Amino acid sequence: MQGNDNFIFAGNTAEALDEIETFLTGVRPTRVLDRVLATVMFTDIVGSTEHAERLGDRRWKEALNDYEEVVHRELERYRGLYIKSTGDGTLATFDGPARAIEATRATREAVKVLGIEIRAGLHTGEIEVRGDDVAGLAVHIGARVSGHALRGEVLVSRTVTDLVAGSGINFEDRGDHHLKGVPGVWRLFAALD
């Protein structure tokens, strides 16, 4: 039995419809990219596997719930946007790098009462908003910066330090680093208290 489907409505329809619109109107449609400039924050719970082993699954799950509650409270306080849990950490975004640093430091201090220490990485760049998630090179860079952070450290890219110049936030140079999968050499800095 023959169907009513047309080849134009199969596969990548956007390209075909754009060509039809161009033909009919004489104007090529402009793609709207959902990209924004944001500061990406990645946190990681230090020693999460050891915590899970020591506490057991049920108590570790409760500890993670308590951690998430603290994170959400600090993100709300500093106007951060919770994106998702990374299992033993958090991905969030901010519309300003100084606020991101302050929120990260506040979170680091607040989770200490839970017996949890974190390390964090921040980077500012253009990200692609994909529904409730984010993507793009800036997100990968933020994750890689976080991977270089030491226990209790808020590590940031040079981009972040340049953007907060004059804010009163001080940094200590942590040197040049190669970030896995990211081209070039990246200068990283620890945000000081």
C-alpha atoms as a PDB file:
ATOM      1  CA  MET A   1       0.000   0.000   0.000  1.00  0.00           C
ATOM      2  CA  GLN A   2       1.300   3.382  -0.971  1.00  0.00           C
ATOM      3  CA  GLY A   3       1.785   5.939   1.809  1.00  0.00           C
ATOM      4  CA  ASN A   4       1.183   9.660   1.774  1.00  0.00           C
ATOM      5  CA  ASP A   5       4.711  10.466   2.944  1.00  0.00           C
ATOM      6  CA  ASN A   6       6.887  12.679   0.812  1.00  0.00           C
ATOM      7  CA  PHE A   7      10.680  12.389   0.710  1.00  0.00           C
ATOM      8  CA  ILE A   8      10.990  16.008   1.800  1.00  0.00           C
ATOM      9  CA  PHE A   9       9.632  15.159   5.260  1.00  0.00           C
ATOM     10  CA  ALA A  10      12.173  12.437   5.949  1.00  0.00           C
ATOM     11  CA  GLY A  11      15.618  12.962   7.396  1.00  0.00           C
ATOM     12  CA  ASN A  12      17.022  16.483   7.795  1.00  0.00           C
ATOM     13  CA  THR A  13      13.960  18.516   6.845  1.00  0.00           C
ATOM     14  CA  ALA A  14      15.397  21.850   7.966  1.00  0.00           C
ATOM     15  CA  GLU A  15      17.790  22.070   5.001  1.00  0.00           C
ATOM     16  CA  ALA A  16      15.115  21.235   2.440  1.00  0.00           C
ATOM     17  CA  LEU A  17      12.620  23.672   3.952  1.00  0.00           C
ATOM     18  CA  ASP A  18      15.278  26.407   4.074  1.00  0.00           C
ATOM     19  CA  GLU A  19      15.919  25.930   0.353  1.00  0.00           C
ATOM     20  CA  ILE A  20      12.201  26.134  -0.412  1.00  0.00           C
ATOM     21  CA  GLU A  21      11.891  29.324   1.675  1.00  0.00           C
ATOM     22  CA  THR A  22      14.885  30.829  -0.124  1.00  0.00           C
ATOM     23  CA  PHE A  23      13.358  29.980  -3.519  1.00  0.00           C
ATOM     24  CA  LEU A  24       9.933  31.416  -2.618  1.00  0.00           C
ATOM     25  CA  THR A  25      11.072  34.572  -0.797  1.00  0.00           C
ATOM     26  CA  GLY A  26      14.450  35.245  -2.365  1.00  0.00           C
ATOM     27  CA  VAL A  27      15.919  35.555   1.155  1.00  0.00           C
ATOM     28  CA  ARG A  28      18.032  32.915   2.823  1.00  0.00           C
ATOM     29  CA  PRO A  29      16.754  32.215   6.378  1.00  0.00           C
ATOM     30  CA  THR A  30      19.122  32.967   9.231  1.00  0.00           C
ATOM     31  CA  ARG A  31      19.683  30.210  11.720  1.00  0.00           C
ATOM     32  CA  VAL A  32      19.136  31.272  15.293  1.00  0.00           C
ATOM     33  CA  LEU A  33      21.847  29.801  17.438  1.00  0.00           C
ATOM     34  CA  ASP A  34      21.025  29.325  21.074  1.00  0.00           C
ATOM     35  CA  ARG A  35      24.477  30.312  22.261  1.00  0.00           C
ATOM     36  CA  VAL A  36      25.180  32.519  25.248  1.00  0.00           C
ATOM     37  CA  LEU A  37      28.224  33.808  27.042  1.00  0.00           C
ATOM     38  CA  ALA A  38      28.374  32.141  30.455  1.00  0.00           C
ATOM     39  CA  THR A  39      30.709  31.086  33.208  1.00  0.00           C
ATOM     40  CA  VAL A  40      30.692  27.328  33.579  1.00  0.00           C
ATOM     41  CA  MET A  41      31.281  25.846  37.045  1.00  0.00           C
ATOM     42  CA  PHE A  42      32.219  22.227  37.624  1.00  0.00           C
ATOM     43  CA  THR A  43      32.566  20.884  41.157  1.00  0.00           C
ATOM     44  CA  ASP A  44      33.853  17.496  42.173  1.00  0.00           C
ATOM     45  CA  ILE A  45      33.569  15.870  45.590  1.00  0.00           C
ATOM     46  CA  VAL A  46      37.052  14.922  46.745  1.00  0.00           C
ATOM     47  CA  GLY A  47      37.324  11.225  47.657  1.00  0.00           C
ATOM     48  CA  SER A  48      33.741  10.396  46.719  1.00  0.00           C
ATOM     49  CA  THR A  49      34.487   6.707  46.176  1.00  0.00           C
ATOM     50  CA  GLU A  50      36.096   6.441  49.609  1.00  0.00           C
ATOM     51  CA  HIS A  51      33.107   8.256  51.169  1.00  0.00           C
ATOM     52  CA  ALA A  52      30.706   5.849  49.458  1.00  0.00           C
ATOM     53  CA  GLU A  53      32.696   2.819  50.628  1.00  0.00           C
ATOM     54  CA  ARG A  54      32.941   4.093  54.208  1.00  0.00           C
ATOM     55  CA  LEU A  55      29.327   5.209  54.553  1.00  0.00           C
ATOM     56  CA  GLY A  56      27.588   2.532  52.520  1.00  0.00           C
ATOM     57  CA  ASP A  57      25.188   3.180  49.674  1.00  0.00           C
ATOM     58  CA  ARG A  58      22.189   4.380  51.690  1.00  0.00           C
ATOM     59  CA  ARG A  59      24.097   6.864  53.858  1.00  0.00           C
ATOM     60  CA  TRP A  60      26.179   8.065  50.894  1.00  0.00           C
ATOM     61  CA  LYS A  61      22.972   8.733  48.944  1.00  0.00           C
ATOM     62  CA  GLU A  62      21.723  10.808  51.904  1.00  0.00           C
ATOM     63  CA  ALA A  63      25.040  12.690  51.999  1.00  0.00           C
ATOM     64  CA  LEU A  64      24.756  13.412  48.260  1.00  0.00           C
ATOM     65  CA  ASN A  65      21.200  14.674  48.770  1.00  0.00           C
ATOM     66  CA  ASP A  66      22.460  16.995  51.530  1.00  0.00           C
ATOM     67  CA  TYR A  67      25.275  18.148  49.245  1.00  0.00           C
ATOM     68  CA  GLU A  68      22.818  18.880  46.406  1.00  0.00           C
ATOM     69  CA  GLU A  69      20.621  20.868  48.810  1.00  0.00           C
ATOM     70  CA  VAL A  70      23.585  23.057  49.782  1.00  0.00           C
ATOM     71  CA  VAL A  71      24.576  23.511  46.140  1.00  0.00           C
ATOM     72  CA  HIS A  72      21.055  24.554  45.156  1.00  0.00           C
ATOM     73  CA  ARG A  73      20.883  27.022  48.046  1.00  0.00           C
ATOM     74  CA  GLU A  74      24.188  28.683  47.080  1.00  0.00           C
ATOM     75  CA  LEU A  75      23.308  28.733  43.382  1.00  0.00           C
ATOM     76  CA  GLU A  76      20.040  30.479  44.184  1.00  0.00           C
ATOM     77  CA  ARG A  77      21.837  32.946  46.431  1.00  0.00           C
ATOM     78  CA  TYR A  78      24.333  33.873  43.682  1.00  0.00           C
ATOM     79  CA  ARG A  79      21.918  33.582  40.725  1.00  0.00           C
ATOM     80  CA  GLY A  80      23.560  30.487  39.306  1.00  0.00           C
ATOM     81  CA  LEU A  81      21.708  28.021  37.123  1.00  0.00           C
ATOM     82  CA  TYR A  82      21.887  24.360  38.131  1.00  0.00           C
ATOM     83  CA  ILE A  83      22.397  22.268  35.010  1.00  0.00           C
ATOM     84  CA  LYS A  84      22.929  18.757  36.343  1.00  0.00           C
ATOM     85  CA  SER A  85      24.645  16.436  38.741  1.00  0.00           C
ATOM     86  CA  THR A  86      27.816  14.834  37.459  1.00  0.00           C
ATOM     87  CA  GLY A  87      27.460  11.925  39.868  1.00  0.00           C
ATOM     88  CA  ASP A  88      29.894  13.225  42.456  1.00  0.00           C
ATOM     89  CA  GLY A  89      29.711  16.897  41.603  1.00  0.00           C
ATOM     90  CA  THR A  90      27.770  19.597  39.847  1.00  0.00           C
ATOM     91  CA  LEU A  91      27.618  21.485  36.583  1.00  0.00           C
ATOM     92  CA  ALA A  92      26.163  25.003  36.818  1.00  0.00           C
ATOM     93  CA  THR A  93      26.346  28.231  34.850  1.00  0.00           C
ATOM     94  CA  PHE A  94      26.432  31.905  35.800  1.00  0.00           C
ATOM     95  CA  ASP A  95      25.936  35.144  33.919  1.00  0.00           C
ATOM     96  CA  GLY A  96      29.017  36.626  35.571  1.00  0.00           C
ATOM     97  CA  PRO A  97      32.420  35.160  36.487  1.00  0.00           C
ATOM     98  CA  ALA A  98      32.860  37.063  39.788  1.00  0.00           C
ATOM     99  CA  ARG A  99      29.512  35.766  41.021  1.00  0.00           C
ATOM    100  CA  ALA A 100      30.530  32.265  39.924  1.00  0.00           C
ATOM    101  CA  ILE A 101      33.735  32.464  41.957  1.00  0.00           C
ATOM    102  CA  GLU A 102      31.866  33.740  45.033  1.00  0.00           C
ATOM    103  CA  ALA A 103      29.212  31.019  44.716  1.00  0.00           C
ATOM    104  CA  THR A 104      31.842  28.318  44.327  1.00  0.00           C
ATOM    105  CA  ARG A 105      33.792  29.509  47.369  1.00  0.00           C
ATOM    106  CA  ALA A 106      30.558  29.721  49.407  1.00  0.00           C
ATOM    107  CA  THR A 107      29.598  26.198  48.336  1.00  0.00           C
ATOM    108  CA  ARG A 108      33.052  24.898  49.217  1.00  0.00           C
ATOM    109  CA  GLU A 109      32.725  26.320  52.751  1.00  0.00           C
ATOM    110  CA  ALA A 110      29.101  25.257  53.234  1.00  0.00           C
ATOM    111  CA  VAL A 111      29.665  21.589  52.360  1.00  0.00           C
ATOM    112  CA  LYS A 112      32.496  21.271  54.887  1.00  0.00           C
ATOM    113  CA  VAL A 113      29.899  20.888  57.668  1.00  0.00           C
ATOM    114  CA  LEU A 114      28.755  17.750  55.831  1.00  0.00           C
ATOM    115  CA  GLY A 115      32.275  16.342  55.976  1.00  0.00           C
ATOM    116  CA  ILE A 116      32.624  16.911  52.241  1.00  0.00           C
ATOM    117  CA  GLU A 117      35.420  18.714  50.429  1.00  0.00           C
ATOM    118  CA  ILE A 118      35.210  19.798  46.834  1.00  0.00           C
ATOM    119  CA  ARG A 119      37.489  21.029  44.109  1.00  0.00           C
ATOM    120  CA  ALA A 120      36.153  23.221  41.332  1.00  0.00           C
ATOM    121  CA  GLY A 121      36.951  24.585  37.899  1.00  0.00           C
ATOM    122  CA  LEU A 122      35.550  27.670  36.177  1.00  0.00           C
ATOM    123  CA  HIS A 123      35.775  28.942  32.622  1.00  0.00           C
ATOM    124  CA  THR A 124      33.900  31.659  30.753  1.00  0.00           C
ATOM    125  CA  GLY A 125      33.013  31.257  27.108  1.00  0.00           C
ATOM    126  CA  GLU A 126      30.180  30.813  24.653  1.00  0.00           C
ATOM    127  CA  ILE A 127      28.030  27.786  25.403  1.00  0.00           C
ATOM    128  CA  GLU A 128      25.241  26.177  23.442  1.00  0.00           C
ATOM    129  CA  VAL A 129      21.987  25.865  25.366  1.00  0.00           C
ATOM    130  CA  ARG A 130      20.315  22.540  24.577  1.00  0.00           C
ATOM    131  CA  GLY A 131      17.041  22.432  26.482  1.00  0.00           C
ATOM    132  CA  ASP A 132      17.975  21.945  30.130  1.00  0.00           C
ATOM    133  CA  ASP A 133      21.583  21.081  29.265  1.00  0.00           C
ATOM    134  CA  VAL A 134      24.595  22.944  27.901  1.00  0.00           C
ATOM    135  CA  ALA A 135      27.277  21.988  25.415  1.00  0.00           C
ATOM    136  CA  GLY A 136      30.203  23.422  23.529  1.00  0.00           C
ATOM    137  CA  LEU A 137      33.934  23.812  23.879  1.00  0.00           C
ATOM    138  CA  ALA A 138      33.621  26.171  26.876  1.00  0.00           C
ATOM    139  CA  VAL A 139      31.860  23.404  28.807  1.00  0.00           C
ATOM    140  CA  HIS A 140      34.664  20.962  28.002  1.00  0.00           C
ATOM    141  CA  ILE A 141      37.270  23.519  29.050  1.00  0.00           C
ATOM    142  CA  GLY A 142      35.486  24.075  32.379  1.00  0.00           C
ATOM    143  CA  ALA A 143      35.491  20.323  33.023  1.00  0.00           C
ATOM    144  CA  ARG A 144      39.186  20.056  32.172  1.00  0.00           C
ATOM    145  CA  VAL A 145      40.072  23.021  34.419  1.00  0.00           C
ATOM    146  CA  SER A 146      38.208  21.303  37.254  1.00  0.00           C
ATOM    147  CA  GLY A 147      40.247  18.157  36.661  1.00  0.00           C
ATOM    148  CA  HIS A 148      43.433  20.111  37.468  1.00  0.00           C
ATOM    149  CA  ALA A 149      42.084  21.630  40.705  1.00  0.00           C
ATOM    150  CA  LEU A 150      43.500  20.479  44.016  1.00  0.00           C
ATOM    151  CA  ARG A 151      41.469  19.600  47.116  1.00  0.00           C
ATOM    152  CA  GLY A 152      39.552  22.696  48.228  1.00  0.00           C
ATOM    153  CA  GLU A 153      40.759  24.728  45.267  1.00  0.00           C
ATOM    154  CA  VAL A 154      38.709  26.958  42.962  1.00  0.00           C
ATOM    155  CA  LEU A 155      40.741  26.891  39.760  1.00  0.00           C
ATOM    156  CA  VAL A 156      39.947  29.233  36.883  1.00  0.00           C
ATOM    157  CA  SER A 157      41.112  29.863  33.352  1.00  0.00           C
ATOM    158  CA  ARG A 158      42.945  33.021  32.287  1.00  0.00           C
ATOM    159  CA  THR A 159      39.715  34.133  30.626  1.00  0.00           C
ATOM    160  CA  VAL A 160      38.024  34.318  34.031  1.00  0.00           C
ATOM    161  CA  THR A 161      40.859  36.313  35.622  1.00  0.00           C
ATOM    162  CA  ASP A 162      40.797  38.801  32.758  1.00  0.00           C
ATOM    163  CA  LEU A 163      37.049  39.292  33.058  1.00  0.00           C
ATOM    164  CA  VAL A 164      37.070  39.945  36.823  1.00  0.00           C
ATOM    165  CA  ALA A 165      39.927  42.458  36.756  1.00  0.00           C
ATOM    166  CA  GLY A 166      39.135  45.210  39.236  1.00  0.00           C
ATOM    167  CA  SER A 167      36.704  43.052  41.251  1.00  0.00           C
ATOM    168  CA  GLY A 168      39.060  42.663  44.184  1.00  0.00           C
ATOM    169  CA  ILE A 169      39.336  38.901  43.685  1.00  0.00           C
ATOM    170  CA  ASN A 170      42.936  37.759  43.929  1.00  0.00           C
ATOM    171  CA  PHE A 171      44.526  34.787  42.211  1.00  0.00           C
ATOM    172  CA  GLU A 172      47.631  32.674  42.447  1.00  0.00           C
ATOM    173  CA  ASP A 173      49.214  31.542  39.194  1.00  0.00           C
ATOM    174  CA  ARG A 174      49.163  27.745  38.798  1.00  0.00           C
ATOM    175  CA  GLY A 175      51.120  27.732  35.548  1.00  0.00           C
ATOM    176  CA  ASP A 176      50.526  26.450  32.042  1.00  0.00           C
ATOM    177  CA  HIS A 177      48.562  23.254  31.485  1.00  0.00           C
ATOM    178  CA  HIS A 178      47.516  21.077  28.591  1.00  0.00           C
ATOM    179  CA  LEU A 179      43.806  20.378  28.832  1.00  0.00           C
ATOM    180  CA  LYS A 180      42.928  16.966  27.425  1.00  0.00           C
ATOM    181  CA  GLY A 181      41.292  17.322  24.023  1.00  0.00           C
ATOM    182  CA  VAL A 182      41.550  21.114  24.019  1.00  0.00           C
ATOM    183  CA  PRO A 183      44.076  22.768  21.701  1.00  0.00           C
ATOM    184  CA  GLY A 184      46.848  24.957  23.034  1.00  0.00           C
ATOM    185  CA  VAL A 185      48.327  25.609  26.436  1.00  0.00           C
ATOM    186  CA  TRP A 186      46.095  27.083  29.123  1.00  0.00           C
ATOM    187  CA  ARG A 187      47.227  29.272  32.023  1.00  0.00           C
ATOM    188  CA  LEU A 188      45.301  28.408  35.185  1.00  0.00           C
ATOM    189  CA  PHE A 189      44.877  30.362  38.426  1.00  0.00           C
ATOM    190  CA  ALA A 190      43.603  29.530  41.904  1.00  0.00           C
ATOM    191  CA  ALA A 191      41.074  32.000  43.322  1.00  0.00           C
ATOM    192  CA  LEU A 192      42.306  33.088  46.739  1.00  0.00           C
ATOM    193  CA  ASP A 193      40.098  33.691  49.757  1.00  0.00           C
END
